[in-house]
Amino acid sequence: MPKAEVTRTGGVGGPMKFVAQVVLDASTILSIFLCQNDPGLCDEWDPVSGGNRALLFRRGDLVPALVPDGDETQLAEVCGIEVKPVDADGYDEARGKWSVEAGRPEAEILGMVGGTPAWLQNHETPVCRVCATVMEFAVQLEEGRDHSINFGSGCGYAFVCRACEQGRFLFQC
């Protein structure tokens, strides 16, 4: 089987860093990648610059990847997270409620799936490059307490157009 990499479309080139894989529903998976070859120089915060990728996959089309021979993997660790529904009127309220209910610090929250984005700056919901409609918000991601994902101390936001099977990713700090 040939080796496949997600690469940047211009600039520094090279493989992108895998950020997250999110199950959106029973049939759709979103995979997010960032250029980290020369952090800060690829406009990886911009949804259309080529410095990031948000790819939609049909769940039935995916197969497990083979482990590469030798020491080729660049993943320091792989982990799963738990999604906990919280009844709240926004991301900040949900974070506070979860922290109290779980007895754990808000710094352990890695984001949210669905709902409404809690923008750090201005509203930046992208439009689909295929059909030109406003994209659906999919997930907001935090850097995590170890800052293993570099969003410039900010948050990442992923959007999808299910009809066109397109994804977009951006971050704000």
N, C-alpha and C. Protein backbone atom coordinates (compact mmCIF):
# COMPACT_ATOMS: atom_id res chain seq x y z
N MET A 1 0.85 -1.18 0.00
CA MET A 1 0.00 0.00 0.00
C MET A 1 0.90 1.24 0.00
N PRO A 2 0.66 2.23 -0.87
CA PRO A 2 1.50 3.41 -0.92
C PRO A 2 1.32 4.28 0.33
N LYS A 3 2.38 4.96 0.68
CA LYS A 3 2.35 5.87 1.82
C LYS A 3 1.58 7.13 1.42
N ALA A 4 0.70 7.61 2.29
CA ALA A 4 -0.08 8.82 2.00
C ALA A 4 0.22 9.86 3.07
N GLU A 5 0.38 11.09 2.64
CA GLU A 5 0.61 12.19 3.57
C GLU A 5 -0.35 13.32 3.23
N VAL A 6 -0.76 14.07 4.23
CA VAL A 6 -1.49 15.30 4.00
C VAL A 6 -0.43 16.38 4.00
N THR A 7 -0.32 17.09 2.87
CA THR A 7 0.73 18.09 2.74
C THR A 7 0.14 19.46 2.44
N ARG A 8 0.92 20.46 2.74
CA ARG A 8 0.56 21.84 2.48
C ARG A 8 0.61 22.09 0.99
N THR A 9 -0.26 22.99 0.49
CA THR A 9 -0.36 23.23 -0.94
C THR A 9 0.62 24.27 -1.47
N GLY A 10 1.42 24.85 -0.64
CA GLY A 10 2.39 25.85 -1.09
C GLY A 10 3.32 26.19 0.04
N GLY A 11 4.18 27.16 -0.15
CA GLY A 11 5.08 27.59 0.90
C GLY A 11 6.10 26.55 1.27
N VAL A 12 6.16 26.16 2.54
CA VAL A 12 7.22 25.27 3.03
C VAL A 12 7.02 23.82 2.61
N GLY A 13 5.81 23.41 2.26
CA GLY A 13 5.57 22.02 1.88
C GLY A 13 5.78 21.08 3.06
N GLY A 14 5.84 19.79 2.80
CA GLY A 14 6.06 18.80 3.84
C GLY A 14 4.77 18.33 4.48
N PRO A 15 4.88 17.26 5.29
CA PRO A 15 3.68 16.70 5.91
C PRO A 15 3.10 17.63 6.97
N MET A 16 1.80 17.55 7.15
CA MET A 16 1.11 18.35 8.16
C MET A 16 0.95 17.53 9.44
N LYS A 17 0.82 18.23 10.56
CA LYS A 17 0.63 17.59 11.86
C LYS A 17 -0.84 17.24 12.04
N PHE A 18 -1.09 15.98 12.38
CA PHE A 18 -2.45 15.54 12.69
C PHE A 18 -2.87 16.18 14.00
N VAL A 19 -4.04 16.81 14.02
CA VAL A 19 -4.54 17.50 15.21
C VAL A 19 -5.65 16.70 15.88
N ALA A 20 -6.66 16.30 15.10
CA ALA A 20 -7.81 15.62 15.71
C ALA A 20 -8.62 14.89 14.66
N GLN A 21 -9.30 13.87 15.12
CA GLN A 21 -10.30 13.17 14.32
C GLN A 21 -11.57 13.17 15.15
N VAL A 22 -12.65 13.71 14.58
CA VAL A 22 -13.90 13.89 15.32
C VAL A 22 -15.02 13.15 14.60
N VAL A 23 -15.72 12.30 15.33
CA VAL A 23 -16.89 11.62 14.79
C VAL A 23 -18.05 12.61 14.88
N LEU A 24 -18.54 13.06 13.73
CA LEU A 24 -19.62 14.04 13.71
C LEU A 24 -20.99 13.40 13.83
N ASP A 25 -21.14 12.23 13.23
CA ASP A 25 -22.39 11.48 13.32
C ASP A 25 -22.08 10.04 12.92
N ALA A 26 -23.10 9.22 12.78
CA ALA A 26 -22.90 7.80 12.49
C ALA A 26 -22.19 7.54 11.17
N SER A 27 -22.20 8.51 10.26
CA SER A 27 -21.60 8.27 8.95
C SER A 27 -20.47 9.21 8.56
N THR A 28 -20.17 10.23 9.38
CA THR A 28 -19.21 11.26 8.98
C THR A 28 -18.11 11.45 10.02
N ILE A 29 -16.87 11.48 9.54
CA ILE A 29 -15.72 11.73 10.39
C ILE A 29 -14.95 12.92 9.82
N LEU A 30 -14.53 13.81 10.69
CA LEU A 30 -13.75 14.99 10.32
C LEU A 30 -12.34 14.82 10.84
N SER A 31 -11.34 14.97 9.97
CA SER A 31 -9.93 14.91 10.37
C SER A 31 -9.30 16.27 10.13
N ILE A 32 -8.55 16.76 11.11
CA ILE A 32 -7.98 18.10 11.06
C ILE A 32 -6.45 18.01 11.13
N PHE A 33 -5.79 18.79 10.26
CA PHE A 33 -4.33 18.82 10.16
C PHE A 33 -3.86 20.27 10.10
N LEU A 34 -2.65 20.53 10.64
CA LEU A 34 -2.03 21.86 10.60
C LEU A 34 -0.60 21.75 10.09
N CYS A 35 -0.17 22.76 9.36
CA CYS A 35 1.23 22.85 8.98
C CYS A 35 2.01 23.27 10.22
N GLN A 36 2.95 22.46 10.62
CA GLN A 36 3.81 22.80 11.76
C GLN A 36 5.28 22.69 11.35
N ASN A 37 5.52 22.72 10.03
CA ASN A 37 6.89 22.62 9.53
C ASN A 37 7.70 23.86 9.85
N ASP A 38 7.09 25.00 9.83
CA ASP A 38 7.72 26.26 10.20
C ASP A 38 6.64 27.10 10.86
N PRO A 39 6.22 26.72 12.11
CA PRO A 39 5.04 27.35 12.73
C PRO A 39 5.07 28.87 12.66
N GLY A 40 3.92 29.43 12.28
CA GLY A 40 3.76 30.88 12.20
C GLY A 40 4.02 31.44 10.82
N LEU A 41 4.63 30.66 9.94
CA LEU A 41 4.94 31.18 8.61
C LEU A 41 4.02 30.64 7.53
N CYS A 42 3.08 29.77 7.87
CA CYS A 42 2.21 29.14 6.87
C CYS A 42 0.79 29.68 6.89
N ASP A 43 0.50 30.71 7.65
CA ASP A 43 -0.87 31.21 7.79
C ASP A 43 -1.83 30.08 8.13
N GLU A 44 -1.39 29.18 9.03
CA GLU A 44 -2.21 28.02 9.38
C GLU A 44 -3.48 28.39 10.12
N TRP A 45 -3.63 29.64 10.54
CA TRP A 45 -4.84 30.10 11.19
C TRP A 45 -5.94 30.43 10.17
N ASP A 46 -5.57 30.59 8.91
CA ASP A 46 -6.49 31.01 7.85
C ASP A 46 -7.17 29.79 7.21
N PRO A 47 -8.49 29.81 7.04
CA PRO A 47 -9.18 28.62 6.51
C PRO A 47 -8.92 28.35 5.03
N VAL A 48 -8.35 29.30 4.28
CA VAL A 48 -8.16 29.09 2.84
C VAL A 48 -6.71 29.25 2.38
N SER A 49 -5.76 29.39 3.29
CA SER A 49 -4.37 29.64 2.90
C SER A 49 -3.61 28.39 2.48
N GLY A 50 -4.11 27.22 2.83
CA GLY A 50 -3.38 25.98 2.56
C GLY A 50 -2.53 25.53 3.73
N GLY A 51 -2.51 26.29 4.81
CA GLY A 51 -1.71 25.94 5.98
C GLY A 51 -2.42 25.00 6.94
N ASN A 52 -3.61 24.57 6.58
CA ASN A 52 -4.33 23.59 7.39
C ASN A 52 -5.27 22.82 6.48
N ARG A 53 -5.80 21.74 7.00
CA ARG A 53 -6.77 20.92 6.25
C ARG A 53 -7.83 20.42 7.22
N ALA A 54 -9.08 20.42 6.77
CA ALA A 54 -10.20 19.79 7.47
C ALA A 54 -10.85 18.89 6.44
N LEU A 55 -10.69 17.60 6.60
CA LEU A 55 -11.15 16.63 5.61
C LEU A 55 -12.32 15.83 6.15
N LEU A 56 -13.38 15.72 5.35
CA LEU A 56 -14.54 14.92 5.71
C LEU A 56 -14.44 13.55 5.06
N PHE A 57 -14.73 12.52 5.83
CA PHE A 57 -14.70 11.15 5.33
C PHE A 57 -16.01 10.46 5.67
N ARG A 58 -16.45 9.60 4.78
CA ARG A 58 -17.56 8.72 5.11
C ARG A 58 -16.99 7.61 5.97
N ARG A 59 -17.63 7.36 7.08
CA ARG A 59 -17.12 6.38 8.04
C ARG A 59 -16.86 5.02 7.40
N GLY A 60 -17.73 4.56 6.54
CA GLY A 60 -17.59 3.26 5.90
C GLY A 60 -16.43 3.18 4.92
N ASP A 61 -15.90 4.33 4.48
CA ASP A 61 -14.80 4.35 3.52
C ASP A 61 -13.43 4.26 4.18
N LEU A 62 -13.37 4.39 5.50
CA LEU A 62 -12.09 4.41 6.21
C LEU A 62 -11.64 3.02 6.60
N VAL A 63 -10.34 2.79 6.53
CA VAL A 63 -9.73 1.55 7.00
C VAL A 63 -8.56 1.93 7.89
N PRO A 64 -8.21 1.09 8.87
CA PRO A 64 -7.08 1.41 9.74
C PRO A 64 -5.79 1.52 8.93
N ALA A 65 -4.95 2.47 9.29
CA ALA A 65 -3.67 2.66 8.63
C ALA A 65 -2.67 1.62 9.14
N LEU A 66 -1.77 1.25 8.27
CA LEU A 66 -0.70 0.35 8.67
C LEU A 66 0.34 1.13 9.45
N VAL A 67 0.93 0.50 10.44
CA VAL A 67 2.01 1.13 11.20
C VAL A 67 3.24 1.15 10.30
N PRO A 68 3.89 2.32 10.15
CA PRO A 68 5.05 2.38 9.27
C PRO A 68 6.23 1.58 9.82
N ASP A 69 7.07 1.08 8.91
CA ASP A 69 8.29 0.41 9.31
C ASP A 69 9.25 1.42 9.91
N GLY A 70 10.02 1.00 10.87
CA GLY A 70 11.03 1.89 11.45
C GLY A 70 10.41 2.95 12.33
N ASP A 71 11.07 4.08 12.42
CA ASP A 71 10.66 5.17 13.30
C ASP A 71 10.16 6.35 12.46
N GLU A 72 9.13 6.13 11.63
CA GLU A 72 8.65 7.17 10.74
C GLU A 72 7.51 8.00 11.33
N THR A 73 6.83 7.49 12.34
CA THR A 73 5.68 8.21 12.85
C THR A 73 6.11 9.47 13.59
N GLN A 74 5.33 10.53 13.44
CA GLN A 74 5.63 11.78 14.13
C GLN A 74 4.65 12.06 15.26
N LEU A 75 3.78 11.10 15.55
CA LEU A 75 2.82 11.27 16.64
C LEU A 75 3.50 10.95 17.97
N ALA A 76 3.55 11.93 18.85
CA ALA A 76 4.14 11.70 20.17
C ALA A 76 3.25 10.78 21.00
N GLU A 77 1.95 10.92 20.84
CA GLU A 77 1.01 10.07 21.56
C GLU A 77 -0.34 10.14 20.86
N VAL A 78 -1.12 9.17 21.12
CA VAL A 78 -2.47 9.13 20.59
C VAL A 78 -3.40 8.93 21.77
N CYS A 79 -4.47 9.70 21.82
CA CYS A 79 -5.39 9.54 22.94
C CYS A 79 -6.81 9.73 22.46
N GLY A 80 -7.71 9.23 23.23
CA GLY A 80 -9.12 9.43 22.98
C GLY A 80 -9.66 10.37 24.03
N ILE A 81 -10.76 11.01 23.73
CA ILE A 81 -11.39 11.89 24.70
C ILE A 81 -12.83 11.47 24.90
N GLU A 82 -13.40 11.94 25.95
CA GLU A 82 -14.78 11.64 26.26
C GLU A 82 -15.64 12.88 25.96
N VAL A 83 -16.73 12.68 25.26
CA VAL A 83 -17.65 13.77 24.97
C VAL A 83 -18.78 13.70 26.00
N LYS A 84 -18.97 14.78 26.74
CA LYS A 84 -20.00 14.84 27.78
C LYS A 84 -21.00 15.94 27.44
N PRO A 85 -22.26 15.58 27.25
CA PRO A 85 -23.28 16.61 27.01
C PRO A 85 -23.46 17.48 28.26
N VAL A 86 -23.56 18.80 28.05
CA VAL A 86 -23.78 19.73 29.14
C VAL A 86 -24.89 20.69 28.70
N ASP A 87 -25.92 20.83 29.52
CA ASP A 87 -27.03 21.74 29.21
C ASP A 87 -26.62 23.14 29.64
N ALA A 88 -26.33 23.99 28.65
CA ALA A 88 -25.87 25.34 28.96
C ALA A 88 -26.19 26.26 27.80
N ASP A 89 -26.12 27.57 28.04
CA ASP A 89 -26.41 28.58 27.02
C ASP A 89 -25.14 29.12 26.37
N GLY A 90 -24.17 28.32 26.19
CA GLY A 90 -22.95 28.78 25.54
C GLY A 90 -21.74 28.04 26.07
N TYR A 91 -20.65 28.21 25.35
CA TYR A 91 -19.43 27.48 25.66
C TYR A 91 -18.88 27.82 27.04
N ASP A 92 -18.80 29.10 27.37
CA ASP A 92 -18.24 29.48 28.67
C ASP A 92 -19.07 28.93 29.83
N GLU A 93 -20.40 29.01 29.72
CA GLU A 93 -21.26 28.46 30.77
C GLU A 93 -21.10 26.93 30.84
N ALA A 94 -21.02 26.28 29.69
CA ALA A 94 -20.85 24.82 29.66
C ALA A 94 -19.53 24.42 30.31
N ARG A 95 -18.47 25.17 30.05
CA ARG A 95 -17.16 24.87 30.67
C ARG A 95 -17.26 24.95 32.19
N GLY A 96 -17.87 26.02 32.68
CA GLY A 96 -18.01 26.18 34.13
C GLY A 96 -18.85 25.09 34.76
N LYS A 97 -19.98 24.75 34.13
CA LYS A 97 -20.84 23.68 34.65
C LYS A 97 -20.11 22.34 34.67
N TRP A 98 -19.43 22.01 33.57
CA TRP A 98 -18.71 20.74 33.51
C TRP A 98 -17.65 20.68 34.61
N SER A 99 -16.91 21.76 34.79
CA SER A 99 -15.85 21.80 35.79
C SER A 99 -16.40 21.53 37.19
N VAL A 100 -17.51 22.17 37.52
CA VAL A 100 -18.14 21.98 38.84
C VAL A 100 -18.66 20.55 38.99
N GLU A 101 -19.40 20.07 37.97
CA GLU A 101 -19.98 18.73 38.04
C GLU A 101 -18.92 17.64 38.10
N ALA A 102 -17.83 17.82 37.36
CA ALA A 102 -16.77 16.80 37.30
C ALA A 102 -15.75 16.96 38.42
N GLY A 103 -15.75 18.13 39.06
CA GLY A 103 -14.74 18.38 40.10
C GLY A 103 -13.34 18.45 39.51
N ARG A 104 -13.24 18.92 38.28
CA ARG A 104 -11.95 19.01 37.59
C ARG A 104 -11.78 20.41 37.01
N PRO A 105 -10.55 20.83 36.77
CA PRO A 105 -10.32 22.19 36.26
C PRO A 105 -10.76 22.37 34.81
N GLU A 106 -11.18 23.58 34.46
CA GLU A 106 -11.58 23.90 33.10
C GLU A 106 -10.46 23.66 32.09
N ALA A 107 -9.21 23.71 32.54
CA ALA A 107 -8.06 23.49 31.65
C ALA A 107 -8.07 22.09 31.03
N GLU A 108 -8.85 21.18 31.61
CA GLU A 108 -8.93 19.82 31.05
C GLU A 108 -9.92 19.72 29.89
N ILE A 109 -10.66 20.77 29.64
CA ILE A 109 -11.63 20.78 28.54
C ILE A 109 -10.88 21.03 27.24
N LEU A 110 -11.13 20.18 26.26
CA LEU A 110 -10.44 20.30 24.98
C LEU A 110 -11.31 20.92 23.90
N GLY A 111 -12.54 21.27 24.22
CA GLY A 111 -13.39 21.92 23.23
C GLY A 111 -14.81 21.43 23.29
N MET A 112 -15.52 21.67 22.17
CA MET A 112 -16.91 21.24 22.09
C MET A 112 -17.23 20.80 20.67
N VAL A 113 -18.22 19.92 20.58
CA VAL A 113 -18.70 19.45 19.29
C VAL A 113 -20.09 20.02 19.09
N GLY A 114 -20.31 20.71 17.97
CA GLY A 114 -21.60 21.30 17.67
C GLY A 114 -21.89 22.54 18.50
N GLY A 115 -23.08 23.04 18.38
CA GLY A 115 -23.47 24.25 19.10
C GLY A 115 -23.09 25.50 18.32
N THR A 116 -22.67 26.52 19.05
CA THR A 116 -22.30 27.80 18.46
C THR A 116 -20.87 28.12 18.88
N PRO A 117 -20.01 28.52 17.94
CA PRO A 117 -18.62 28.81 18.33
C PRO A 117 -18.53 29.98 19.30
N ALA A 118 -17.61 29.87 20.23
CA ALA A 118 -17.31 30.96 21.16
C ALA A 118 -16.08 31.67 20.60
N TRP A 119 -16.31 32.63 19.73
CA TRP A 119 -15.22 33.31 19.04
C TRP A 119 -14.35 34.10 20.01
N LEU A 120 -13.06 34.03 19.84
CA LEU A 120 -12.13 34.84 20.63
C LEU A 120 -11.99 36.23 20.02
N GLN A 121 -12.18 36.32 18.72
CA GLN A 121 -12.13 37.59 18.02
C GLN A 121 -13.44 37.78 17.27
N ASN A 122 -13.37 38.16 16.01
CA ASN A 122 -14.56 38.38 15.21
C ASN A 122 -15.13 37.08 14.67
N HIS A 123 -16.40 37.10 14.35
CA HIS A 123 -17.09 35.99 13.69
C HIS A 123 -16.39 35.70 12.36
N GLU A 124 -15.99 34.45 12.12
CA GLU A 124 -15.29 34.09 10.89
C GLU A 124 -15.82 32.82 10.24
N THR A 125 -17.11 32.58 10.34
CA THR A 125 -17.67 31.37 9.74
C THR A 125 -17.42 31.39 8.23
N PRO A 126 -16.72 30.36 7.70
CA PRO A 126 -16.42 30.36 6.27
C PRO A 126 -17.61 29.92 5.43
N VAL A 127 -17.50 30.17 4.12
CA VAL A 127 -18.48 29.67 3.17
C VAL A 127 -17.84 28.53 2.40
N CYS A 128 -18.66 27.62 1.93
CA CYS A 128 -18.19 26.46 1.17
C CYS A 128 -17.61 26.95 -0.16
N ARG A 129 -16.44 26.46 -0.51
CA ARG A 129 -15.81 26.88 -1.78
C ARG A 129 -16.50 26.26 -2.99
N VAL A 130 -17.34 25.23 -2.78
CA VAL A 130 -18.04 24.59 -3.89
C VAL A 130 -19.40 25.24 -4.14
N CYS A 131 -20.24 25.35 -3.09
CA CYS A 131 -21.61 25.84 -3.28
C CYS A 131 -21.83 27.25 -2.74
N ALA A 132 -20.84 27.85 -2.11
CA ALA A 132 -20.88 29.22 -1.59
C ALA A 132 -21.91 29.45 -0.49
N THR A 133 -22.32 28.39 0.23
CA THR A 133 -23.23 28.56 1.37
C THR A 133 -22.41 28.63 2.65
N VAL A 134 -23.00 29.24 3.67
CA VAL A 134 -22.34 29.32 4.97
C VAL A 134 -22.18 27.92 5.52
N MET A 135 -20.99 27.61 6.02
CA MET A 135 -20.69 26.26 6.50
C MET A 135 -21.23 26.04 7.91
N GLU A 136 -21.50 24.79 8.23
CA GLU A 136 -22.01 24.37 9.55
C GLU A 136 -20.84 24.26 10.53
N PHE A 137 -21.01 24.84 11.72
CA PHE A 137 -20.00 24.71 12.77
C PHE A 137 -19.94 23.26 13.23
N ALA A 138 -18.73 22.70 13.31
CA ALA A 138 -18.57 21.30 13.70
C ALA A 138 -17.94 21.15 15.07
N VAL A 139 -16.79 21.80 15.29
CA VAL A 139 -16.05 21.59 16.54
C VAL A 139 -15.17 22.80 16.86
N GLN A 140 -15.05 23.08 18.16
CA GLN A 140 -14.11 24.07 18.66
C GLN A 140 -13.09 23.33 19.50
N LEU A 141 -11.81 23.62 19.28
CA LEU A 141 -10.75 22.91 19.99
C LEU A 141 -9.89 23.88 20.80
N GLU A 142 -9.53 23.45 21.99
CA GLU A 142 -8.59 24.18 22.84
C GLU A 142 -7.20 23.57 22.67
N GLU A 143 -6.18 24.28 23.05
CA GLU A 143 -4.82 23.75 22.97
C GLU A 143 -4.58 22.62 23.97
N GLY A 144 -5.33 22.59 25.04
CA GLY A 144 -5.10 21.59 26.07
C GLY A 144 -4.08 22.09 27.07
N ARG A 145 -4.07 21.47 28.21
CA ARG A 145 -3.19 21.98 29.28
C ARG A 145 -1.71 21.82 28.98
N ASP A 146 -1.35 20.89 28.07
CA ASP A 146 0.07 20.74 27.72
C ASP A 146 0.44 21.50 26.46
N HIS A 147 -0.52 22.21 25.86
CA HIS A 147 -0.31 23.00 24.64
C HIS A 147 0.33 22.19 23.53
N SER A 148 -0.08 20.91 23.40
CA SER A 148 0.48 20.04 22.37
C SER A 148 0.00 20.44 20.97
N ILE A 149 -1.08 21.21 20.89
CA ILE A 149 -1.53 21.77 19.63
C ILE A 149 -1.26 23.27 19.70
N ASN A 150 -0.64 23.83 18.66
CA ASN A 150 -0.28 25.24 18.69
C ASN A 150 -1.31 26.08 17.96
N PHE A 151 -2.20 26.71 18.73
CA PHE A 151 -3.15 27.67 18.18
C PHE A 151 -2.78 29.08 18.64
N GLY A 152 -1.51 29.32 18.94
CA GLY A 152 -1.08 30.64 19.40
C GLY A 152 -1.76 31.05 20.68
N SER A 153 -1.98 30.10 21.59
CA SER A 153 -2.71 30.29 22.85
C SER A 153 -4.18 30.62 22.61
N GLY A 154 -4.72 30.15 21.50
CA GLY A 154 -6.12 30.42 21.18
C GLY A 154 -6.94 29.16 21.03
N CYS A 155 -7.93 29.21 20.15
CA CYS A 155 -8.84 28.10 19.88
C CYS A 155 -8.93 27.84 18.39
N GLY A 156 -9.15 26.58 18.04
CA GLY A 156 -9.37 26.20 16.65
C GLY A 156 -10.85 25.96 16.41
N TYR A 157 -11.29 26.21 15.18
CA TYR A 157 -12.69 26.08 14.81
C TYR A 157 -12.79 25.33 13.48
N ALA A 158 -13.59 24.27 13.45
CA ALA A 158 -13.78 23.51 12.21
C ALA A 158 -15.23 23.63 11.76
N PHE A 159 -15.40 23.70 10.44
CA PHE A 159 -16.71 23.85 9.82
C PHE A 159 -16.83 22.85 8.69
N VAL A 160 -18.06 22.47 8.37
CA VAL A 160 -18.28 21.50 7.30
C VAL A 160 -19.45 21.94 6.42
N CYS A 161 -19.39 21.49 5.17
CA CYS A 161 -20.52 21.53 4.26
C CYS A 161 -20.77 20.07 3.91
N ARG A 162 -21.75 19.47 4.54
CA ARG A 162 -22.01 18.04 4.34
C ARG A 162 -22.43 17.75 2.90
N ALA A 163 -23.21 18.64 2.29
CA ALA A 163 -23.69 18.41 0.93
C ALA A 163 -22.53 18.30 -0.06
N CYS A 164 -21.51 19.11 0.13
CA CYS A 164 -20.36 19.12 -0.79
C CYS A 164 -19.17 18.32 -0.26
N GLU A 165 -19.31 17.76 0.94
CA GLU A 165 -18.25 16.99 1.60
C GLU A 165 -16.96 17.81 1.72
N GLN A 166 -17.12 19.05 2.17
CA GLN A 166 -15.99 19.96 2.34
C GLN A 166 -15.83 20.34 3.80
N GLY A 167 -14.59 20.59 4.21
CA GLY A 167 -14.31 21.05 5.56
C GLY A 167 -13.39 22.26 5.51
N ARG A 168 -13.45 23.07 6.54
CA ARG A 168 -12.56 24.22 6.70
C ARG A 168 -12.15 24.30 8.16
N PHE A 169 -10.93 24.78 8.39
CA PHE A 169 -10.42 24.94 9.74
C PHE A 169 -9.70 26.26 9.85
N LEU A 170 -9.85 26.93 10.98
CA LEU A 170 -9.13 28.17 11.26
C LEU A 170 -8.90 28.24 12.76
N PHE A 171 -8.03 29.13 13.17
CA PHE A 171 -7.93 29.38 14.62
C PHE A 171 -7.76 30.86 14.88
N GLN A 172 -8.12 31.23 16.10
CA GLN A 172 -7.99 32.60 16.57
C GLN A 172 -7.23 32.60 17.88
N CYS A 173 -6.47 33.66 18.11
CA CYS A 173 -5.75 33.79 19.39
C CYS A 173 -5.83 35.20 19.88
